[in-house]
Amino acid sequence: MTHMTKTLTALALILSPTLACAAVEVDANGDGMITIEEMQSVYTDTTAEAFSEMDSNGDGALDDGELQTAVESGLIKPLTDG
């Protein structure tokens, strides 16, 4: 399990049991970075503009620090059933 996966899982467990299941699958290719496509597979309403706002270093992918910051700042909301 990569550091990113562990971080996503920990955040998910804190935020929502539904998100916990999805967060393990966010990093689809297991490279430790979240692309916009991977983010949109879980957070379907994520726009390119919102993703760019989360991507503070502008490298086109979210690392665990950027993801944690996005959660803490409310840019990512927990998933809900329904």
Protein backbone atom coordinates (compact mmCIF):
# COMPACT_ATOMS: atom_id res chain seq x y z
CA MET A 1 0.00 0.00 0.00
CA THR A 2 1.53 3.34 -1.04
CA HIS A 3 1.82 6.33 1.25
CA MET A 4 -0.83 8.13 -0.85
CA THR A 5 -3.23 5.21 -0.48
CA LYS A 6 -2.67 5.15 3.27
CA THR A 7 -3.27 8.90 3.49
CA LEU A 8 -6.42 8.68 1.38
CA THR A 9 -7.72 5.80 3.47
CA ALA A 10 -7.04 7.61 6.74
CA LEU A 11 -8.74 10.76 5.49
CA ALA A 12 -11.64 8.75 4.20
CA LEU A 13 -12.19 6.97 7.47
CA ILE A 14 -12.28 10.31 9.25
CA LEU A 15 -14.64 11.88 6.72
CA SER A 16 -17.06 9.15 5.75
CA PRO A 17 -17.33 5.37 5.54
CA THR A 18 -18.54 5.73 1.95
CA LEU A 19 -15.47 7.75 1.06
CA ALA A 20 -13.25 5.13 2.72
CA CYS A 21 -14.19 2.54 0.11
CA ALA A 22 -13.74 4.97 -2.76
CA ALA A 23 -10.48 6.53 -1.54
CA VAL A 24 -8.60 3.25 -1.76
CA GLU A 25 -9.40 3.24 -5.47
CA VAL A 26 -8.68 6.93 -6.24
CA ASP A 27 -5.04 6.29 -7.15
CA ALA A 28 -6.00 3.86 -9.91
CA ASN A 29 -2.48 3.27 -11.22
CA GLY A 30 -0.83 3.18 -7.78
CA ASP A 31 1.80 5.82 -8.58
CA GLY A 32 1.14 7.86 -5.45
CA MET A 33 -0.28 10.80 -7.40
CA ILE A 34 -3.90 11.68 -8.18
CA THR A 35 -4.64 12.87 -11.71
CA ILE A 36 -7.76 14.79 -12.65
CA GLU A 37 -9.14 11.63 -14.25
CA GLU A 38 -8.58 9.63 -11.06
CA MET A 39 -10.13 12.41 -8.97
CA GLN A 40 -13.15 12.63 -11.26
CA SER A 41 -13.72 8.89 -10.97
CA VAL A 42 -14.59 9.46 -7.31
CA TYR A 43 -15.48 13.15 -7.19
CA THR A 44 -17.48 13.33 -10.40
CA ASP A 45 -18.20 17.07 -10.02
CA THR A 46 -14.51 18.02 -9.97
CA THR A 47 -13.84 20.59 -12.67
CA ALA A 48 -10.49 21.38 -14.24
CA GLU A 49 -10.58 24.73 -12.45
CA ALA A 50 -11.21 23.12 -9.05
CA PHE A 51 -8.48 20.55 -9.67
CA SER A 52 -6.03 23.31 -10.61
CA GLU A 53 -6.87 25.11 -7.38
CA MET A 54 -6.01 21.93 -5.43
CA ASP A 55 -2.82 21.38 -7.47
CA SER A 56 -0.77 24.02 -5.67
CA ASN A 57 2.53 23.17 -7.38
CA GLY A 58 0.95 23.03 -10.85
CA ASP A 59 2.40 19.66 -11.83
CA GLY A 60 -0.93 18.26 -13.02
CA ALA A 61 -1.34 15.77 -10.18
CA LEU A 62 -2.16 15.87 -6.48
CA ASP A 63 0.28 14.53 -3.95
CA ASP A 64 -0.80 13.57 -0.44
CA GLY A 65 -0.06 17.05 0.94
CA GLU A 66 -2.16 18.76 -1.71
CA LEU A 67 -4.97 16.29 -1.17
CA GLN A 68 -4.90 16.78 2.59
CA THR A 69 -4.94 20.56 2.14
CA ALA A 70 -7.90 20.27 -0.24
CA VAL A 71 -9.84 18.23 2.32
CA GLU A 72 -8.96 20.54 5.21
CA SER A 73 -9.91 23.64 3.22
CA GLY A 74 -13.25 22.18 2.12
CA LEU A 75 -12.39 21.86 -1.58
CA ILE A 76 -13.20 18.15 -1.37
CA LYS A 77 -16.42 17.14 0.31
CA PRO A 78 -17.08 13.65 1.65
CA LEU A 79 -19.12 11.40 -0.61
CA THR A 80 -22.64 10.56 0.51
CA ASP A 81 -24.97 7.74 -0.36
CA GLY A 82 -27.69 8.55 -2.89
